[in-house]
Amino acid sequence: MDSKVIQNIIHEILETGEYTLEGMAHHTRIPFDVIYDAACGVMAEFSITPWSRVVAIYLQVKPEISNQLMEWLLASSDRRLPVLLSTINHPL
C-alpha cells in the first residue's frame, strides 16, 4: 500500500505542473531513479525521510490539504491530538 500512496502523491504533485520528477529529485535530495521508481510504483517501500520530503512538497503545492489538516487538528485538539501524538510517540 505504501508504494501506491506515494505513487499517487507524486502524480498529484506532477499534475500541478509546479515540479517535474527531476525537480522533485533535486528539491528533496533524493536520487532521480528512486523518485522515478516510486512514481512508477516499482518501489516496494519508501523510508521515512524520502516520504517526509515528498509529503512536504505535496503540502506546498496543495495548501488546501495542509489547511484542512490544520483545521481538523485545531478543532479536535481537545480529543484527538493527544491520541495522535501518543500514536506518533509510541508506534504500534
N, C-alpha and C. Protein backbone atom coordinates (compact mmCIF):
# COMPACT_ATOMS: atom_id res chain seq x y z
N MET A 1 0.81 -1.20 0.00
CA MET A 1 0.00 0.00 0.00
C MET A 1 0.86 1.26 0.00
N ASP A 2 1.97 1.26 0.73
CA ASP A 2 2.81 2.44 0.78
C ASP A 2 3.25 2.89 -0.60
N SER A 3 3.61 1.94 -1.45
CA SER A 3 4.09 2.32 -2.78
C SER A 3 2.98 2.96 -3.59
N LYS A 4 1.75 2.50 -3.43
CA LYS A 4 0.62 3.09 -4.16
C LYS A 4 0.31 4.50 -3.65
N VAL A 5 0.40 4.69 -2.35
CA VAL A 5 0.12 6.01 -1.77
C VAL A 5 1.16 7.02 -2.25
N ILE A 6 2.44 6.67 -2.14
CA ILE A 6 3.49 7.61 -2.56
C ILE A 6 3.42 7.84 -4.06
N GLN A 7 3.06 6.82 -4.82
CA GLN A 7 2.89 6.97 -6.26
C GLN A 7 1.79 7.99 -6.56
N ASN A 8 0.67 7.89 -5.87
CA ASN A 8 -0.43 8.85 -6.07
C ASN A 8 -0.03 10.26 -5.66
N ILE A 9 0.69 10.38 -4.56
CA ILE A 9 1.14 11.70 -4.10
C ILE A 9 2.06 12.33 -5.14
N ILE A 10 2.99 11.56 -5.67
CA ILE A 10 3.91 12.07 -6.69
C ILE A 10 3.14 12.49 -7.93
N HIS A 11 2.18 11.69 -8.35
CA HIS A 11 1.39 12.04 -9.53
C HIS A 11 0.59 13.32 -9.31
N GLU A 12 0.04 13.49 -8.11
CA GLU A 12 -0.70 14.72 -7.82
C GLU A 12 0.23 15.93 -7.84
N ILE A 13 1.46 15.77 -7.36
CA ILE A 13 2.43 16.87 -7.41
C ILE A 13 2.73 17.21 -8.87
N LEU A 14 2.95 16.19 -9.68
CA LEU A 14 3.25 16.41 -11.09
C LEU A 14 2.09 17.08 -11.82
N GLU A 15 0.85 16.73 -11.46
CA GLU A 15 -0.33 17.31 -12.10
C GLU A 15 -0.43 18.82 -11.88
N THR A 16 0.14 19.31 -10.79
CA THR A 16 0.08 20.76 -10.54
C THR A 16 0.96 21.53 -11.52
N GLY A 17 1.96 20.84 -12.09
CA GLY A 17 2.88 21.49 -13.01
C GLY A 17 3.97 22.28 -12.33
N GLU A 18 3.99 22.29 -11.01
CA GLU A 18 5.00 23.05 -10.28
C GLU A 18 6.33 22.31 -10.18
N TYR A 19 6.29 20.99 -10.32
CA TYR A 19 7.51 20.18 -10.24
C TYR A 19 7.50 19.14 -11.34
N THR A 20 8.69 18.81 -11.81
CA THR A 20 8.91 17.64 -12.65
C THR A 20 9.53 16.58 -11.76
N LEU A 21 9.71 15.38 -12.28
CA LEU A 21 10.40 14.35 -11.49
C LEU A 21 11.82 14.80 -11.16
N GLU A 22 12.46 15.43 -12.14
CA GLU A 22 13.83 15.93 -11.92
C GLU A 22 13.83 17.00 -10.83
N GLY A 23 12.86 17.89 -10.88
CA GLY A 23 12.76 18.95 -9.88
C GLY A 23 12.49 18.40 -8.49
N MET A 24 11.64 17.38 -8.42
CA MET A 24 11.37 16.75 -7.13
C MET A 24 12.63 16.09 -6.59
N ALA A 25 13.36 15.41 -7.45
CA ALA A 25 14.60 14.76 -7.02
C ALA A 25 15.59 15.79 -6.50
N HIS A 26 15.72 16.88 -7.22
CA HIS A 26 16.66 17.93 -6.81
C HIS A 26 16.23 18.57 -5.48
N HIS A 27 14.96 18.94 -5.39
CA HIS A 27 14.45 19.64 -4.21
C HIS A 27 14.51 18.76 -2.95
N THR A 28 14.25 17.48 -3.11
CA THR A 28 14.23 16.58 -1.95
C THR A 28 15.57 15.93 -1.67
N ARG A 29 16.53 16.09 -2.59
CA ARG A 29 17.84 15.44 -2.47
C ARG A 29 17.69 13.92 -2.45
N ILE A 30 16.72 13.43 -3.20
CA ILE A 30 16.51 12.00 -3.38
C ILE A 30 16.97 11.68 -4.80
N PRO A 31 17.75 10.63 -4.99
CA PRO A 31 18.20 10.30 -6.35
C PRO A 31 17.03 10.17 -7.32
N PHE A 32 17.24 10.65 -8.54
CA PHE A 32 16.18 10.64 -9.54
C PHE A 32 15.61 9.24 -9.74
N ASP A 33 16.45 8.22 -9.80
CA ASP A 33 15.95 6.87 -10.06
C ASP A 33 15.02 6.39 -8.94
N VAL A 34 15.24 6.84 -7.72
CA VAL A 34 14.36 6.47 -6.61
C VAL A 34 13.00 7.14 -6.78
N ILE A 35 13.02 8.44 -7.12
CA ILE A 35 11.76 9.16 -7.37
C ILE A 35 11.03 8.54 -8.55
N TYR A 36 11.76 8.23 -9.62
CA TYR A 36 11.17 7.64 -10.82
C TYR A 36 10.53 6.29 -10.49
N ASP A 37 11.24 5.44 -9.78
CA ASP A 37 10.69 4.14 -9.40
C ASP A 37 9.43 4.29 -8.54
N ALA A 38 9.45 5.24 -7.62
CA ALA A 38 8.28 5.47 -6.77
C ALA A 38 7.10 5.98 -7.61
N ALA A 39 7.37 6.85 -8.56
CA ALA A 39 6.32 7.37 -9.43
C ALA A 39 5.72 6.28 -10.31
N CYS A 40 6.53 5.30 -10.66
CA CYS A 40 6.06 4.18 -11.50
C CYS A 40 5.44 3.06 -10.67
N GLY A 41 5.55 3.14 -9.36
CA GLY A 41 5.02 2.11 -8.50
C GLY A 41 5.91 0.88 -8.39
N VAL A 42 7.16 1.03 -8.83
CA VAL A 42 8.11 -0.08 -8.82
C VAL A 42 8.67 -0.32 -7.42
N MET A 43 8.83 0.75 -6.68
CA MET A 43 9.46 0.68 -5.37
C MET A 43 8.56 -0.04 -4.37
N ALA A 44 9.12 -0.95 -3.63
CA ALA A 44 8.35 -1.71 -2.64
C ALA A 44 7.97 -0.83 -1.44
N GLU A 45 8.91 -0.04 -0.94
CA GLU A 45 8.60 0.88 0.16
C GLU A 45 9.60 2.01 0.18
N PHE A 46 9.18 3.10 0.78
CA PHE A 46 9.95 4.33 0.89
C PHE A 46 10.30 4.50 2.36
N SER A 47 11.52 4.86 2.68
CA SER A 47 11.85 5.11 4.09
C SER A 47 11.20 6.43 4.52
N ILE A 48 11.23 6.70 5.80
CA ILE A 48 10.53 7.86 6.35
C ILE A 48 11.10 9.18 5.84
N THR A 49 12.40 9.27 5.61
CA THR A 49 12.99 10.54 5.16
C THR A 49 12.50 10.92 3.76
N PRO A 50 12.59 10.04 2.77
CA PRO A 50 12.02 10.41 1.47
C PRO A 50 10.52 10.65 1.54
N TRP A 51 9.81 9.86 2.32
CA TRP A 51 8.37 10.05 2.49
C TRP A 51 8.08 11.47 2.95
N SER A 52 8.78 11.89 4.01
CA SER A 52 8.51 13.22 4.58
C SER A 52 8.88 14.33 3.60
N ARG A 53 9.93 14.13 2.84
CA ARG A 53 10.34 15.15 1.86
C ARG A 53 9.33 15.28 0.73
N VAL A 54 8.82 14.16 0.26
CA VAL A 54 7.82 14.20 -0.81
C VAL A 54 6.51 14.78 -0.28
N VAL A 55 6.12 14.40 0.92
CA VAL A 55 4.89 14.94 1.51
C VAL A 55 5.03 16.44 1.75
N ALA A 56 6.21 16.91 2.11
CA ALA A 56 6.43 18.36 2.30
C ALA A 56 6.18 19.10 0.98
N ILE A 57 6.65 18.54 -0.13
CA ILE A 57 6.37 19.16 -1.44
C ILE A 57 4.87 19.13 -1.71
N TYR A 58 4.25 18.01 -1.42
CA TYR A 58 2.81 17.86 -1.64
C TYR A 58 2.03 18.93 -0.88
N LEU A 59 2.38 19.13 0.38
CA LEU A 59 1.68 20.14 1.18
C LEU A 59 1.96 21.55 0.68
N GLN A 60 3.13 21.75 0.07
CA GLN A 60 3.47 23.05 -0.51
C GLN A 60 2.62 23.33 -1.74
N VAL A 61 2.46 22.34 -2.61
CA VAL A 61 1.73 22.57 -3.86
C VAL A 61 0.22 22.38 -3.69
N LYS A 62 -0.18 21.80 -2.58
CA LYS A 62 -1.60 21.60 -2.27
C LYS A 62 -1.90 22.22 -0.90
N PRO A 63 -1.83 23.55 -0.80
CA PRO A 63 -2.01 24.18 0.51
C PRO A 63 -3.38 23.93 1.12
N GLU A 64 -4.37 23.66 0.29
CA GLU A 64 -5.70 23.40 0.84
C GLU A 64 -5.71 22.13 1.69
N ILE A 65 -4.86 21.18 1.35
CA ILE A 65 -4.77 19.95 2.14
C ILE A 65 -4.16 20.25 3.51
N SER A 66 -3.07 21.02 3.53
CA SER A 66 -2.47 21.34 4.82
C SER A 66 -3.39 22.22 5.65
N ASN A 67 -4.15 23.11 5.01
CA ASN A 67 -5.11 23.95 5.73
C ASN A 67 -6.21 23.09 6.36
N GLN A 68 -6.71 22.11 5.60
CA GLN A 68 -7.74 21.22 6.13
C GLN A 68 -7.20 20.40 7.30
N LEU A 69 -5.98 19.93 7.16
CA LEU A 69 -5.37 19.15 8.23
C LEU A 69 -5.22 20.00 9.49
N MET A 70 -4.73 21.22 9.34
CA MET A 70 -4.56 22.11 10.50
C MET A 70 -5.91 22.44 11.13
N GLU A 71 -6.93 22.70 10.32
CA GLU A 71 -8.26 22.98 10.86
C GLU A 71 -8.79 21.79 11.65
N TRP A 72 -8.58 20.60 11.10
CA TRP A 72 -9.04 19.39 11.78
C TRP A 72 -8.31 19.21 13.10
N LEU A 73 -7.00 19.41 13.08
CA LEU A 73 -6.22 19.27 14.31
C LEU A 73 -6.63 20.29 15.36
N LEU A 74 -6.82 21.54 14.95
CA LEU A 74 -7.20 22.58 15.91
C LEU A 74 -8.61 22.36 16.45
N ALA A 75 -9.52 21.94 15.58
CA ALA A 75 -10.90 21.73 16.01
C ALA A 75 -11.02 20.54 16.94
N SER A 76 -10.16 19.58 16.79
CA SER A 76 -10.29 18.37 17.58
C SER A 76 -9.13 18.19 18.56
N SER A 77 -8.41 19.27 18.81
CA SER A 77 -7.21 19.15 19.65
C SER A 77 -7.53 18.67 21.05
N ASP A 78 -8.71 18.96 21.55
CA ASP A 78 -9.04 18.53 22.91
C ASP A 78 -9.17 17.02 23.02
N ARG A 79 -9.56 16.33 21.94
CA ARG A 79 -9.76 14.88 22.00
C ARG A 79 -8.73 14.11 21.19
N ARG A 80 -8.57 14.48 19.95
CA ARG A 80 -7.79 13.65 19.03
C ARG A 80 -6.30 13.93 19.03
N LEU A 81 -5.90 15.15 19.26
CA LEU A 81 -4.48 15.47 19.20
C LEU A 81 -3.66 14.68 20.21
N PRO A 82 -4.08 14.57 21.47
CA PRO A 82 -3.28 13.74 22.39
C PRO A 82 -3.18 12.29 21.93
N VAL A 83 -4.26 11.77 21.35
CA VAL A 83 -4.23 10.39 20.84
C VAL A 83 -3.28 10.30 19.67
N LEU A 84 -3.34 11.27 18.76
CA LEU A 84 -2.43 11.30 17.61
C LEU A 84 -0.98 11.38 18.07
N LEU A 85 -0.70 12.27 19.00
CA LEU A 85 0.66 12.43 19.50
C LEU A 85 1.15 11.17 20.21
N SER A 86 0.28 10.53 20.96
CA SER A 86 0.70 9.30 21.65
C SER A 86 0.97 8.18 20.64
N THR A 87 0.26 8.17 19.55
CA THR A 87 0.49 7.18 18.50
C THR A 87 1.83 7.44 17.84
N ILE A 88 2.15 8.70 17.61
CA ILE A 88 3.43 9.05 16.98
C ILE A 88 4.59 8.70 17.91
N ASN A 89 4.43 8.98 19.19
CA ASN A 89 5.50 8.70 20.16
C ASN A 89 5.63 7.22 20.47
N HIS A 90 4.56 6.47 20.32
CA HIS A 90 4.57 5.04 20.64
C HIS A 90 3.91 4.27 19.50
N PRO A 91 4.66 4.05 18.41
CA PRO A 91 4.05 3.34 17.28
C PRO A 91 3.65 1.92 17.66
N LEU A 92 2.63 1.46 16.96
CA LEU A 92 2.13 0.10 17.23
C LEU A 92 3.13 -0.95 16.89
